[in-house]
Amino acid sequence: MSKHKRKEFFIYPKFQLRFIGWLLLPVLTHSAVLMTALYLITLRSEQLSHTIGLSPDHILFTFIDMQKQYMFWIYLSTTIFLAILLAIFGILLSHRLAGPIIKLKNHITAINNGTEATYVNFRKDDFFKELLPPLNQHIDQYKSLKEKS
């Protein structure tokens, strides 16, 4: 029987949701600018076509409308795809950032509540591994001071 550890998407929601939001902001802003530009360009093309005297049923207006719809769906589908991709990437990356912070917080809280101080280890792909040597050295010092008293 294999052991399956339940994977939580949000281990530190306050940080992770904000992190994902900051990742999504440029994509959503960029898409809004592009869609606004599309609208303004097609509006200007239609106004110019009226100015030069084309009738409202001219094929150019049908072409402009088709291109506007085509580009709208391309922009929208690309935005949705990138938003989903960045949200997934954001969750994975935020785990590598938030995981060590949560682990350190829980470890320190446990020590403060009387649990024996032990070395801290992070997962293979976690960030902040450079904190481990000084922290574990501090734990050694803490243990030796506790033994002396």
Protein backbone atom coordinates (compact mmCIF):
# COMPACT_ATOMS: atom_id res chain seq x y z
CA MET A 1 0.00 0.00 0.00
CA SER A 2 1.55 3.27 -1.06
CA LYS A 3 1.50 6.34 1.06
CA HIS A 4 -0.03 9.40 -0.61
CA LYS A 5 0.62 12.67 1.07
CA ARG A 6 -2.18 15.12 0.43
CA LYS A 7 -0.88 18.11 -1.50
CA GLU A 8 -2.25 21.43 -0.33
CA PHE A 9 -2.47 24.11 -2.98
CA PHE A 10 -2.22 26.94 -0.48
CA ILE A 11 0.03 26.39 2.51
CA TYR A 12 0.32 30.12 3.21
CA PRO A 13 -2.70 31.60 1.39
CA LYS A 14 -2.13 35.24 2.35
CA PHE A 15 1.29 35.21 0.70
CA GLN A 16 0.52 32.83 -2.15
CA LEU A 17 -2.65 34.54 -3.40
CA ARG A 18 -0.90 37.90 -3.36
CA PHE A 19 2.11 36.38 -5.18
CA ILE A 20 -0.12 34.87 -7.89
CA GLY A 21 -1.99 38.15 -8.22
CA TRP A 22 1.26 39.98 -8.88
CA LEU A 23 2.19 37.38 -11.50
CA LEU A 24 -1.17 37.76 -13.26
CA LEU A 25 -1.30 41.57 -13.17
CA PRO A 26 1.06 42.19 -16.14
CA VAL A 27 -0.72 39.64 -18.35
CA LEU A 28 -4.16 41.02 -17.60
CA THR A 29 -2.97 44.60 -18.04
CA HIS A 30 -1.28 43.75 -21.32
CA SER A 31 -4.41 42.04 -22.61
CA ALA A 32 -6.61 44.97 -21.61
CA VAL A 33 -4.30 47.36 -23.46
CA LEU A 34 -4.28 45.15 -26.57
CA MET A 35 -8.07 44.78 -26.59
CA THR A 36 -8.49 48.53 -26.16
CA ALA A 37 -6.04 49.14 -29.01
CA LEU A 38 -7.94 46.65 -31.18
CA TYR A 39 -11.20 48.45 -30.50
CA LEU A 40 -9.70 51.89 -31.22
CA ILE A 41 -7.94 50.77 -34.41
CA THR A 42 -11.06 49.14 -35.84
CA LEU A 43 -13.22 52.10 -34.79
CA ARG A 44 -10.79 54.48 -36.53
CA SER A 45 -10.78 52.27 -39.64
CA GLU A 46 -14.58 52.30 -39.78
CA GLN A 47 -14.68 56.10 -39.29
CA LEU A 48 -12.09 56.60 -42.02
CA SER A 49 -14.03 54.29 -44.35
CA HIS A 50 -17.19 56.37 -43.79
CA THR A 51 -15.20 59.58 -44.35
CA ILE A 52 -13.99 58.45 -47.78
CA GLY A 53 -17.58 57.68 -48.72
CA LEU A 54 -17.90 53.91 -48.51
CA SER A 55 -21.48 52.73 -48.05
CA PRO A 56 -22.35 50.99 -44.74
CA ASP A 57 -22.88 47.67 -46.59
CA HIS A 58 -19.43 47.76 -48.23
CA ILE A 59 -17.43 44.54 -47.86
CA LEU A 60 -14.67 46.41 -46.04
CA PHE A 61 -16.93 46.85 -43.00
CA THR A 62 -17.67 43.13 -42.96
CA PHE A 63 -13.94 42.43 -43.22
CA ILE A 64 -13.11 44.85 -40.38
CA ASP A 65 -15.80 43.29 -38.19
CA MET A 66 -14.56 39.75 -38.91
CA GLN A 67 -10.97 40.74 -38.13
CA LYS A 68 -12.07 42.44 -34.91
CA GLN A 69 -13.90 39.29 -33.76
CA TYR A 70 -11.01 37.06 -34.79
CA MET A 71 -8.46 39.15 -32.90
CA PHE A 72 -10.75 39.42 -29.86
CA TRP A 73 -10.96 35.62 -29.57
CA ILE A 74 -7.21 35.26 -30.07
CA TYR A 75 -6.51 37.81 -27.33
CA LEU A 76 -9.09 36.33 -24.98
CA SER A 77 -7.98 32.70 -25.43
CA THR A 78 -4.31 33.67 -25.09
CA THR A 79 -5.06 35.65 -21.94
CA ILE A 80 -6.99 32.78 -20.38
CA PHE A 81 -4.27 30.28 -21.30
CA LEU A 82 -1.49 32.47 -19.90
CA ALA A 83 -3.48 33.25 -16.75
CA ILE A 84 -4.00 29.54 -16.06
CA LEU A 85 -0.36 28.76 -16.83
CA LEU A 86 0.90 31.58 -14.59
CA ALA A 87 -1.48 30.59 -11.78
CA ILE A 88 -0.13 27.02 -11.86
CA PHE A 89 3.45 28.29 -12.06
CA GLY A 90 2.69 30.72 -9.24
CA ILE A 91 1.37 27.96 -6.99
CA LEU A 92 4.41 25.77 -7.65
CA LEU A 93 6.88 28.60 -7.18
CA SER A 94 5.11 29.96 -4.11
CA HIS A 95 5.35 26.51 -2.50
CA ARG A 96 9.13 26.71 -2.88
CA LEU A 97 9.04 30.13 -1.20
CA ALA A 98 6.31 29.66 1.41
CA GLY A 99 7.20 26.08 2.39
CA PRO A 100 10.50 26.96 4.08
CA ILE A 101 8.93 29.97 5.83
CA ILE A 102 6.10 27.84 7.22
CA LYS A 103 8.52 25.08 8.20
CA LEU A 104 10.76 27.53 10.08
CA LYS A 105 7.79 29.15 11.79
CA ASN A 106 6.38 25.78 12.90
CA HIS A 107 9.82 24.57 14.01
CA ILE A 108 10.48 27.67 16.12
CA THR A 109 6.96 27.52 17.59
CA ALA A 110 7.48 23.85 18.52
CA ILE A 111 10.79 24.63 20.22
CA ASN A 112 9.18 27.52 22.11
CA ASN A 113 6.43 25.12 23.25
CA GLY A 114 8.96 22.69 24.72
CA THR A 115 9.65 20.30 21.84
CA GLU A 116 13.26 19.16 21.59
CA ALA A 117 15.28 21.30 19.18
CA THR A 118 16.28 19.33 16.08
CA TYR A 119 17.95 20.25 12.83
CA VAL A 120 15.82 21.84 10.14
CA ASN A 121 15.84 20.49 6.59
CA PHE A 122 14.08 21.78 3.50
CA ARG A 123 12.84 19.94 0.43
CA LYS A 124 15.21 19.49 -2.50
CA ASP A 125 13.83 22.37 -4.61
CA ASP A 126 12.99 24.80 -1.80
CA PHE A 127 14.51 28.27 -1.66
CA PHE A 128 16.43 29.73 1.32
CA LYS A 129 18.67 26.70 1.88
CA GLU A 130 21.47 29.13 2.78
CA LEU A 131 19.60 29.75 6.05
CA LEU A 132 20.00 26.15 7.20
CA PRO A 133 23.70 26.08 8.22
CA PRO A 134 23.50 29.11 10.54
CA LEU A 135 20.12 27.99 11.88
CA ASN A 136 21.31 24.47 12.59
CA GLN A 137 24.47 25.89 14.18
CA HIS A 138 22.23 28.00 16.41
CA ILE A 139 20.28 24.87 17.33
CA ASP A 140 23.57 23.18 18.34
CA GLN A 141 24.40 26.15 20.53
CA TYR A 142 20.91 26.14 22.01
CA LYS A 143 21.18 22.42 22.83
CA SER A 144 24.57 22.82 24.50
CA LEU A 145 23.35 25.78 26.58
CA LYS A 146 20.27 23.81 27.59
CA GLU A 147 22.43 20.82 28.60
CA LYS A 148 24.64 23.06 30.77
CA SER A 149 21.72 24.52 32.68
